[in-house]
Amino acid sequence: MKMPDKETCPIFDINVHLGCWHNQRLPYTSPLQLQKKLNSLGIRKAFVSSNQAIFYSDPEPGNLELLNKVKRYPLFVPVPVFNPNIPNSEEILRKYSKLKIKIIKLFPSFHNYSLNSEKIKSVLKFCLLEGFIILIQMRMEDERLQHPTLKTNPLDIDKILEIAEMYPSLPIICLSGYFNECVRLAQNSSNIYLDISFAERLDTIKALLDVIPLSRIVFGSHTPFFYPESALLKVESSEIPLCWKEHILYKNIETLMEER
């Protein structure tokens, strides 16, 4: 069991967060700490979003704060938290497009909207036309560990599949899905991709590849909620060819980004 050479195989992590959390003390809460940790493991690009922005009624102040914090750190690709409920949501999307930010992250459970609402359909139509990639954060914590006064419901898989079918050319990356959720999403859509952070089986990667295509699996660690070594170990310990590991570690994400 081996990993591809770090010099020739940069790791891209699609599921990284920065900032404090309300009910636990997280490690690596500064950009410098987070960059040092991820770089030490061979991670060369981290798609990072703001924990604080999730809880703002308008996430934009948190997104701008994140942009200012990480602009000196080449590791990070900032991913805005997007809430379609705010009145100027389409204006914000146009601003991102002009800034060449073509990726946003949705938190339906935190922002209290349905993925088949008219607002989100309008957002997805714009994103399709402008070449965006959509990230959907399925959960931030295992539901059993949530603070009793701040519980969020799991996302409805049927609604994710519905929007994927409605916009088949729009890449949708679902983050932090459990193993069975990942399998169902990938088997019933052609444009949904899954990260590996919450998926757990004996030889998780091989178990996923037994039932879904290699091209639909991307590397995501859910750092700092999880230690990034956990996701890397899933890849390292898997009994699959090295070239397949390269696709999961960076090539699949790189291809998606290049196509946009």
C-alpha atoms as a PDB file:
ATOM      1  CA  MET A   1       0.000   0.000   0.000  1.00  0.00           C
ATOM      2  CA  LYS A   2       1.616   3.216  -1.214  1.00  0.00           C
ATOM      3  CA  MET A   3       0.891   6.830  -1.959  1.00  0.00           C
ATOM      4  CA  PRO A   4       1.948   8.608  -5.151  1.00  0.00           C
ATOM      5  CA  ASP A   5       5.126  10.652  -4.860  1.00  0.00           C
ATOM      6  CA  LYS A   6       4.421  14.053  -3.261  1.00  0.00           C
ATOM      7  CA  GLU A   7       6.646  15.832  -5.767  1.00  0.00           C
ATOM      8  CA  THR A   8       4.618  14.622  -8.735  1.00  0.00           C
ATOM      9  CA  CYS A   9       1.195  14.268  -7.115  1.00  0.00           C
ATOM     10  CA  PRO A  10      -0.037  17.467  -5.432  1.00  0.00           C
ATOM     11  CA  ILE A  11      -3.047  16.862  -3.201  1.00  0.00           C
ATOM     12  CA  PHE A  12      -6.097  19.105  -3.630  1.00  0.00           C
ATOM     13  CA  ASP A  13      -8.455  19.219  -0.642  1.00  0.00           C
ATOM     14  CA  ILE A  14     -11.979  20.324  -1.544  1.00  0.00           C
ATOM     15  CA  ASN A  15     -13.349  20.388   2.023  1.00  0.00           C
ATOM     16  CA  VAL A  16     -11.471  22.720   4.401  1.00  0.00           C
ATOM     17  CA  HIS A  17     -12.776  25.265   6.915  1.00  0.00           C
ATOM     18  CA  LEU A  18     -11.244  28.205   8.768  1.00  0.00           C
ATOM     19  CA  GLY A  19     -12.372  29.761  12.026  1.00  0.00           C
ATOM     20  CA  CYS A  20     -13.892  28.851  15.373  1.00  0.00           C
ATOM     21  CA  TRP A  21     -16.892  26.625  16.011  1.00  0.00           C
ATOM     22  CA  HIS A  22     -19.585  27.099  18.613  1.00  0.00           C
ATOM     23  CA  ASN A  23     -19.375  23.837  20.559  1.00  0.00           C
ATOM     24  CA  GLN A  24     -15.834  22.561  20.190  1.00  0.00           C
ATOM     25  CA  ARG A  25     -12.285  23.851  20.227  1.00  0.00           C
ATOM     26  CA  LEU A  26     -10.793  23.353  16.790  1.00  0.00           C
ATOM     27  CA  PRO A  27      -7.092  23.132  15.930  1.00  0.00           C
ATOM     28  CA  TYR A  28      -5.489  25.212  13.171  1.00  0.00           C
ATOM     29  CA  THR A  29      -7.758  28.268  13.521  1.00  0.00           C
ATOM     30  CA  SER A  30      -5.322  30.684  11.849  1.00  0.00           C
ATOM     31  CA  PRO A  31      -4.341  30.614   8.155  1.00  0.00           C
ATOM     32  CA  LEU A  32      -0.673  30.106   9.067  1.00  0.00           C
ATOM     33  CA  GLN A  33      -1.406  27.133  11.346  1.00  0.00           C
ATOM     34  CA  LEU A  34      -3.720  25.582   8.774  1.00  0.00           C
ATOM     35  CA  GLN A  35      -1.278  26.074   5.902  1.00  0.00           C
ATOM     36  CA  LYS A  36       1.622  24.548   7.861  1.00  0.00           C
ATOM     37  CA  LYS A  37      -0.443  21.498   8.754  1.00  0.00           C
ATOM     38  CA  LEU A  38      -1.771  20.861   5.264  1.00  0.00           C
ATOM     39  CA  ASN A  39       1.553  21.546   3.543  1.00  0.00           C
ATOM     40  CA  SER A  40       3.299  19.096   5.865  1.00  0.00           C
ATOM     41  CA  LEU A  41       1.038  16.362   4.462  1.00  0.00           C
ATOM     42  CA  GLY A  42       1.591  17.213   0.816  1.00  0.00           C
ATOM     43  CA  ILE A  43      -1.648  19.168   0.362  1.00  0.00           C
ATOM     44  CA  ARG A  44      -0.909  21.923  -2.143  1.00  0.00           C
ATOM     45  CA  LYS A  45      -4.352  23.419  -2.723  1.00  0.00           C
ATOM     46  CA  ALA A  46      -7.098  23.771  -0.110  1.00  0.00           C
ATOM     47  CA  PHE A  47     -10.577  25.001  -0.987  1.00  0.00           C
ATOM     48  CA  VAL A  48     -11.453  26.811   2.231  1.00  0.00           C
ATOM     49  CA  SER A  49     -14.626  28.430   3.551  1.00  0.00           C
ATOM     50  CA  SER A  50     -15.396  30.517   6.634  1.00  0.00           C
ATOM     51  CA  ASN A  51     -17.043  28.953   9.677  1.00  0.00           C
ATOM     52  CA  GLN A  52     -18.198  32.380  10.831  1.00  0.00           C
ATOM     53  CA  ALA A  53     -19.923  33.155   7.525  1.00  0.00           C
ATOM     54  CA  ILE A  54     -22.245  30.183   8.011  1.00  0.00           C
ATOM     55  CA  PHE A  55     -23.890  31.857  11.006  1.00  0.00           C
ATOM     56  CA  TYR A  56     -24.195  35.396   9.612  1.00  0.00           C
ATOM     57  CA  SER A  57     -27.627  36.186   8.181  1.00  0.00           C
ATOM     58  CA  ASP A  58     -25.684  37.705   5.295  1.00  0.00           C
ATOM     59  CA  PRO A  59     -22.518  35.624   4.822  1.00  0.00           C
ATOM     60  CA  GLU A  60     -20.698  38.319   2.829  1.00  0.00           C
ATOM     61  CA  PRO A  61     -18.855  39.957   5.776  1.00  0.00           C
ATOM     62  CA  GLY A  62     -17.520  36.526   6.737  1.00  0.00           C
ATOM     63  CA  ASN A  63     -16.542  35.785   3.130  1.00  0.00           C
ATOM     64  CA  LEU A  64     -14.692  39.104   2.823  1.00  0.00           C
ATOM     65  CA  GLU A  65     -12.942  38.493   6.127  1.00  0.00           C
ATOM     66  CA  LEU A  66     -11.789  35.106   4.836  1.00  0.00           C
ATOM     67  CA  LEU A  67     -10.519  36.638   1.573  1.00  0.00           C
ATOM     68  CA  ASN A  68      -8.426  39.142   3.503  1.00  0.00           C
ATOM     69  CA  LYS A  69      -7.061  36.481   5.848  1.00  0.00           C
ATOM     70  CA  VAL A  70      -5.910  34.009   3.199  1.00  0.00           C
ATOM     71  CA  LYS A  71      -4.793  36.286   0.341  1.00  0.00           C
ATOM     72  CA  ARG A  72      -1.125  36.035   1.465  1.00  0.00           C
ATOM     73  CA  TYR A  73      -1.243  32.233   1.566  1.00  0.00           C
ATOM     74  CA  PRO A  74      -0.973  30.565  -1.852  1.00  0.00           C
ATOM     75  CA  LEU A  75      -2.296  27.248  -0.540  1.00  0.00           C
ATOM     76  CA  PHE A  76      -5.850  28.515  -0.155  1.00  0.00           C
ATOM     77  CA  VAL A  77      -8.640  28.843  -2.699  1.00  0.00           C
ATOM     78  CA  PRO A  78     -11.373  30.810  -0.887  1.00  0.00           C
ATOM     79  CA  VAL A  79     -14.874  29.414  -1.351  1.00  0.00           C
ATOM     80  CA  PRO A  80     -17.678  31.854  -0.481  1.00  0.00           C
ATOM     81  CA  VAL A  81     -20.537  30.675   1.691  1.00  0.00           C
ATOM     82  CA  PHE A  82     -23.666  31.539  -0.274  1.00  0.00           C
ATOM     83  CA  ASN A  83     -27.177  32.090   1.089  1.00  0.00           C
ATOM     84  CA  PRO A  84     -29.836  32.475  -1.646  1.00  0.00           C
ATOM     85  CA  ASN A  85     -32.290  33.890   0.915  1.00  0.00           C
ATOM     86  CA  ILE A  86     -30.601  37.281   1.121  1.00  0.00           C
ATOM     87  CA  PRO A  87     -32.196  39.983  -1.084  1.00  0.00           C
ATOM     88  CA  ASN A  88     -29.098  40.793  -3.185  1.00  0.00           C
ATOM     89  CA  SER A  89     -28.006  37.203  -3.825  1.00  0.00           C
ATOM     90  CA  GLU A  90     -27.939  37.535  -7.638  1.00  0.00           C
ATOM     91  CA  GLU A  91     -25.884  40.721  -7.380  1.00  0.00           C
ATOM     92  CA  ILE A  92     -23.368  38.850  -5.200  1.00  0.00           C
ATOM     93  CA  LEU A  93     -23.140  36.052  -7.768  1.00  0.00           C
ATOM     94  CA  ARG A  94     -22.434  38.574 -10.527  1.00  0.00           C
ATOM     95  CA  LYS A  95     -19.685  40.090  -8.368  1.00  0.00           C
ATOM     96  CA  TYR A  96     -18.089  36.659  -7.871  1.00  0.00           C
ATOM     97  CA  SER A  97     -18.222  36.025 -11.597  1.00  0.00           C
ATOM     98  CA  LYS A  98     -16.440  39.298 -12.359  1.00  0.00           C
ATOM     99  CA  LEU A  99     -13.790  38.404  -9.762  1.00  0.00           C
ATOM    100  CA  LYS A 100     -13.304  34.998 -11.462  1.00  0.00           C
ATOM    101  CA  ILE A 101     -14.549  33.228  -8.337  1.00  0.00           C
ATOM    102  CA  LYS A 102     -16.442  30.374  -9.965  1.00  0.00           C
ATOM    103  CA  ILE A 103     -17.180  28.218  -6.942  1.00  0.00           C
ATOM    104  CA  ILE A 104     -19.662  28.678  -4.081  1.00  0.00           C
ATOM    105  CA  LYS A 105     -20.740  26.578  -1.123  1.00  0.00           C
ATOM    106  CA  LEU A 106     -24.346  26.031  -0.077  1.00  0.00           C
ATOM    107  CA  PHE A 107     -25.501  25.253   3.477  1.00  0.00           C
ATOM    108  CA  PRO A 108     -29.234  24.508   3.109  1.00  0.00           C
ATOM    109  CA  SER A 109     -29.567  23.024   6.609  1.00  0.00           C
ATOM    110  CA  PHE A 110     -28.102  26.133   8.238  1.00  0.00           C
ATOM    111  CA  HIS A 111     -29.812  28.737   6.061  1.00  0.00           C
ATOM    112  CA  ASN A 112     -33.226  27.081   6.105  1.00  0.00           C
ATOM    113  CA  TYR A 113     -34.150  26.637   2.454  1.00  0.00           C
ATOM    114  CA  SER A 114     -35.130  23.729   0.280  1.00  0.00           C
ATOM    115  CA  LEU A 115     -32.947  22.714  -2.643  1.00  0.00           C
ATOM    116  CA  ASN A 116     -35.999  22.647  -4.918  1.00  0.00           C
ATOM    117  CA  SER A 117     -37.122  26.199  -4.067  1.00  0.00           C
ATOM    118  CA  GLU A 118     -37.509  28.752  -6.848  1.00  0.00           C
ATOM    119  CA  LYS A 119     -34.726  30.872  -5.322  1.00  0.00           C
ATOM    120  CA  ILE A 120     -32.170  28.105  -5.503  1.00  0.00           C
ATOM    121  CA  LYS A 121     -33.267  27.143  -9.023  1.00  0.00           C
ATOM    122  CA  SER A 122     -32.577  30.710 -10.138  1.00  0.00           C
ATOM    123  CA  VAL A 123     -29.139  30.571  -8.479  1.00  0.00           C
ATOM    124  CA  LEU A 124     -28.281  27.262 -10.140  1.00  0.00           C
ATOM    125  CA  LYS A 125     -29.381  28.512 -13.558  1.00  0.00           C
ATOM    126  CA  PHE A 126     -27.063  31.525 -13.202  1.00  0.00           C
ATOM    127  CA  CYS A 127     -24.212  29.282 -12.015  1.00  0.00           C
ATOM    128  CA  LEU A 128     -24.686  26.974 -14.976  1.00  0.00           C
ATOM    129  CA  LEU A 129     -24.537  29.844 -17.467  1.00  0.00           C
ATOM    130  CA  GLU A 130     -21.497  31.420 -15.782  1.00  0.00           C
ATOM    131  CA  GLY A 131     -19.507  28.195 -15.374  1.00  0.00           C
ATOM    132  CA  PHE A 132     -19.648  27.836 -11.584  1.00  0.00           C
ATOM    133  CA  ILE A 133     -19.029  24.722  -9.513  1.00  0.00           C
ATOM    134  CA  ILE A 134     -21.491  24.140  -6.668  1.00  0.00           C
ATOM    135  CA  LEU A 135     -20.431  22.663  -3.344  1.00  0.00           C
ATOM    136  CA  ILE A 136     -23.190  21.393  -1.051  1.00  0.00           C
ATOM    137  CA  GLN A 137     -22.188  20.910   2.573  1.00  0.00           C
ATOM    138  CA  MET A 138     -24.331  17.976   3.682  1.00  0.00           C
ATOM    139  CA  ARG A 139     -23.307  18.281   7.321  1.00  0.00           C
ATOM    140  CA  MET A 140     -20.687  19.921   9.515  1.00  0.00           C
ATOM    141  CA  GLU A 141     -20.907  17.407  12.358  1.00  0.00           C
ATOM    142  CA  ASP A 142     -22.207  13.925  12.958  1.00  0.00           C
ATOM    143  CA  GLU A 143     -25.825  14.521  13.956  1.00  0.00           C
ATOM    144  CA  ARG A 144     -25.224  12.674  17.236  1.00  0.00           C
ATOM    145  CA  LEU A 145     -22.615  15.249  18.281  1.00  0.00           C
ATOM    146  CA  GLN A 146     -24.577  18.412  17.552  1.00  0.00           C
ATOM    147  CA  HIS A 147     -25.289  20.880  20.332  1.00  0.00           C
ATOM    148  CA  PRO A 148     -28.875  20.241  21.531  1.00  0.00           C
ATOM    149  CA  THR A 149     -29.962  23.826  20.832  1.00  0.00           C
ATOM    150  CA  LEU A 150     -28.276  24.009  17.409  1.00  0.00           C
ATOM    151  CA  LYS A 151     -29.398  20.879  15.628  1.00  0.00           C
ATOM    152  CA  THR A 152     -29.657  20.768  11.835  1.00  0.00           C
ATOM    153  CA  ASN A 153     -31.511  18.176   9.810  1.00  0.00           C
ATOM    154  CA  PRO A 154     -29.812  15.913   7.253  1.00  0.00           C
ATOM    155  CA  LEU A 155     -30.330  16.986   3.648  1.00  0.00           C
ATOM    156  CA  ASP A 156     -32.992  15.315   1.542  1.00  0.00           C
ATOM    157  CA  ILE A 157     -31.112  13.169  -0.984  1.00  0.00           C
ATOM    158  CA  ASP A 158     -34.087  13.207  -3.357  1.00  0.00           C
ATOM    159  CA  LYS A 159     -33.921  17.003  -3.597  1.00  0.00           C
ATOM    160  CA  ILE A 160     -30.203  16.916  -4.405  1.00  0.00           C
ATOM    161  CA  LEU A 161     -30.884  14.377  -7.137  1.00  0.00           C
ATOM    162  CA  GLU A 162     -33.742  16.526  -8.417  1.00  0.00           C
ATOM    163  CA  ILE A 163     -31.569  19.595  -8.969  1.00  0.00           C
ATOM    164  CA  ALA A 164     -28.786  17.471 -10.451  1.00  0.00           C
ATOM    165  CA  GLU A 165     -31.249  16.099 -13.009  1.00  0.00           C
ATOM    166  CA  MET A 166     -32.617  19.568 -13.701  1.00  0.00           C
ATOM    167  CA  TYR A 167     -29.118  20.960 -14.427  1.00  0.00           C
ATOM    168  CA  PRO A 168     -27.148  17.962 -15.784  1.00  0.00           C
ATOM    169  CA  SER A 169     -24.224  20.088 -17.013  1.00  0.00           C
ATOM    170  CA  LEU A 170     -23.688  21.764 -13.629  1.00  0.00           C
ATOM    171  CA  PRO A 171     -20.976  20.098 -11.491  1.00  0.00           C
ATOM    172  CA  ILE A 172     -22.265  19.537  -7.955  1.00  0.00           C
ATOM    173  CA  ILE A 173     -19.831  18.332  -5.292  1.00  0.00           C
ATOM    174  CA  CYS A 174     -21.548  16.963  -2.185  1.00  0.00           C
ATOM    175  CA  LEU A 175     -19.326  17.214   0.879  1.00  0.00           C
ATOM    176  CA  SER A 176     -19.351  15.182   4.089  1.00  0.00           C
ATOM    177  CA  GLY A 177     -21.829  12.547   2.984  1.00  0.00           C
ATOM    178  CA  TYR A 178     -22.047   9.186   4.696  1.00  0.00           C
ATOM    179  CA  PHE A 179     -21.092   6.128   2.656  1.00  0.00           C
ATOM    180  CA  ASN A 180     -24.640   5.105   1.696  1.00  0.00           C
ATOM    181  CA  GLU A 181     -25.533   8.711   0.809  1.00  0.00           C
ATOM    182  CA  CYS A 182     -22.497   8.943  -1.472  1.00  0.00           C
ATOM    183  CA  VAL A 183     -23.409   5.709  -3.231  1.00  0.00           C
ATOM    184  CA  ARG A 184     -27.016   6.720  -3.788  1.00  0.00           C
ATOM    185  CA  LEU A 185     -26.088  10.172  -5.082  1.00  0.00           C
ATOM    186  CA  ALA A 186     -23.447   8.914  -7.515  1.00  0.00           C
ATOM    187  CA  GLN A 187     -25.477   5.980  -8.785  1.00  0.00           C
ATOM    188  CA  ASN A 188     -28.498   8.141  -9.592  1.00  0.00           C
ATOM    189  CA  SER A 189     -26.843  11.151 -11.227  1.00  0.00           C
ATOM    190  CA  SER A 190     -24.161  11.895 -13.784  1.00  0.00           C
ATOM    191  CA  ASN A 191     -22.990  15.271 -12.475  1.00  0.00           C
ATOM    192  CA  ILE A 192     -22.660  14.731  -8.715  1.00  0.00           C
ATOM    193  CA  TYR A 193     -19.214  14.251  -7.168  1.00  0.00           C
ATOM    194  CA  LEU A 194     -18.474  13.128  -3.606  1.00  0.00           C
ATOM    195  CA  ASP A 195     -15.680  13.716  -1.146  1.00  0.00           C
ATOM    196  CA  ILE A 196     -14.471  10.984   1.210  1.00  0.00           C
ATOM    197  CA  SER A 197     -14.393  12.768   4.571  1.00  0.00           C
ATOM    198  CA  PHE A 198     -17.448  11.128   6.209  1.00  0.00           C
ATOM    199  CA  ALA A 199     -17.600   7.921   4.154  1.00  0.00           C
ATOM    200  CA  GLU A 200     -16.523   4.907   6.217  1.00  0.00           C
ATOM    201  CA  ARG A 201     -16.168   1.242   5.279  1.00  0.00           C
ATOM    202  CA  LEU A 202     -13.453  -1.390   5.409  1.00  0.00           C
ATOM    203  CA  ASP A 203     -11.161  -0.090   2.632  1.00  0.00           C
ATOM    204  CA  THR A 204     -13.500   2.839   2.055  1.00  0.00           C
ATOM    205  CA  ILE A 205     -12.099   3.861  -1.323  1.00  0.00           C
ATOM    206  CA  LYS A 206     -12.242   0.401  -2.847  1.00  0.00           C
ATOM    207  CA  ALA A 207     -15.738  -0.108  -1.443  1.00  0.00           C
ATOM    208  CA  LEU A 208     -16.853   3.116  -3.134  1.00  0.00           C
ATOM    209  CA  LEU A 209     -15.162   2.199  -6.408  1.00  0.00           C
ATOM    210  CA  ASP A 210     -16.945  -1.138  -6.423  1.00  0.00           C
ATOM    211  CA  VAL A 211     -20.205   0.725  -6.993  1.00  0.00           C
ATOM    212  CA  ILE A 212     -19.448   4.231  -8.369  1.00  0.00           C
ATOM    213  CA  PRO A 213     -17.060   5.604 -11.041  1.00  0.00           C
ATOM    214  CA  LEU A 214     -13.536   6.731 -10.139  1.00  0.00           C
ATOM    215  CA  SER A 215     -14.119  10.097 -11.822  1.00  0.00           C
ATOM    216  CA  ARG A 216     -16.801  11.033  -9.272  1.00  0.00           C
ATOM    217  CA  ILE A 217     -14.674  10.749  -6.119  1.00  0.00           C
ATOM    218  CA  VAL A 218     -12.633  13.734  -4.919  1.00  0.00           C
ATOM    219  CA  PHE A 219     -10.362  14.246  -1.949  1.00  0.00           C
ATOM    220  CA  GLY A 220     -11.849  16.147   0.978  1.00  0.00           C
ATOM    221  CA  SER A 221     -10.664  15.979   4.582  1.00  0.00           C
ATOM    222  CA  HIS A 222     -13.146  18.220   6.474  1.00  0.00           C
ATOM    223  CA  THR A 223     -10.172  19.812   8.258  1.00  0.00           C
ATOM    224  CA  PRO A 224     -10.042  21.009  11.051  1.00  0.00           C
ATOM    225  CA  PHE A 225     -13.156  19.188  12.278  1.00  0.00           C
ATOM    226  CA  PHE A 226     -11.335  15.979  11.321  1.00  0.00           C
ATOM    227  CA  TYR A 227      -7.598  15.491  11.226  1.00  0.00           C
ATOM    228  CA  PRO A 228      -6.518  15.481   7.560  1.00  0.00           C
ATOM    229  CA  GLU A 229      -4.441  12.354   8.181  1.00  0.00           C
ATOM    230  CA  SER A 230      -7.710  10.420   8.444  1.00  0.00           C
ATOM    231  CA  ALA A 231      -8.727  11.125   4.847  1.00  0.00           C
ATOM    232  CA  LEU A 232      -5.178  10.567   3.589  1.00  0.00           C
ATOM    233  CA  LEU A 233      -5.045   7.196   5.325  1.00  0.00           C
ATOM    234  CA  LYS A 234      -8.201   6.120   3.508  1.00  0.00           C
ATOM    235  CA  VAL A 235      -6.380   6.666   0.217  1.00  0.00           C
ATOM    236  CA  GLU A 236      -2.980   5.381   1.328  1.00  0.00           C
ATOM    237  CA  SER A 237      -4.342   2.144   2.791  1.00  0.00           C
ATOM    238  CA  SER A 238      -6.633   1.371  -0.114  1.00  0.00           C
ATOM    239  CA  GLU A 239      -5.865  -1.625  -2.331  1.00  0.00           C
ATOM    240  CA  ILE A 240      -6.218   0.294  -5.602  1.00  0.00           C
ATOM    241  CA  PRO A 241      -3.644   1.232  -8.274  1.00  0.00           C
ATOM    242  CA  LEU A 242      -1.471   4.311  -7.682  1.00  0.00           C
ATOM    243  CA  CYS A 243      -2.839   5.978 -10.801  1.00  0.00           C
ATOM    244  CA  TRP A 244      -6.368   5.733  -9.369  1.00  0.00           C
ATOM    245  CA  LYS A 245      -5.168   7.366  -6.163  1.00  0.00           C
ATOM    246  CA  GLU A 246      -3.789  10.265  -8.222  1.00  0.00           C
ATOM    247  CA  HIS A 247      -7.231  10.855  -9.714  1.00  0.00           C
ATOM    248  CA  ILE A 248      -8.797  11.012  -6.255  1.00  0.00           C
ATOM    249  CA  LEU A 249      -6.040  13.122  -4.709  1.00  0.00           C
ATOM    250  CA  TYR A 250      -6.013  15.841  -7.360  1.00  0.00           C
ATOM    251  CA  LYS A 251      -6.771  14.959 -10.973  1.00  0.00           C
ATOM    252  CA  ASN A 252     -10.556  14.795 -10.663  1.00  0.00           C
ATOM    253  CA  ILE A 253     -10.758  18.201  -8.959  1.00  0.00           C
ATOM    254  CA  GLU A 254      -8.185  19.674 -11.344  1.00  0.00           C
ATOM    255  CA  THR A 255     -10.205  18.489 -14.334  1.00  0.00           C
ATOM    256  CA  LEU A 256     -13.385  20.051 -12.969  1.00  0.00           C
ATOM    257  CA  MET A 257     -11.638  23.371 -12.371  1.00  0.00           C
ATOM    258  CA  GLU A 258     -10.026  23.414 -15.815  1.00  0.00           C
ATOM    259  CA  GLU A 259     -13.350  22.739 -17.496  1.00  0.00           C
ATOM    260  CA  ARG A 260     -14.865  25.821 -15.854  1.00  0.00           C
END
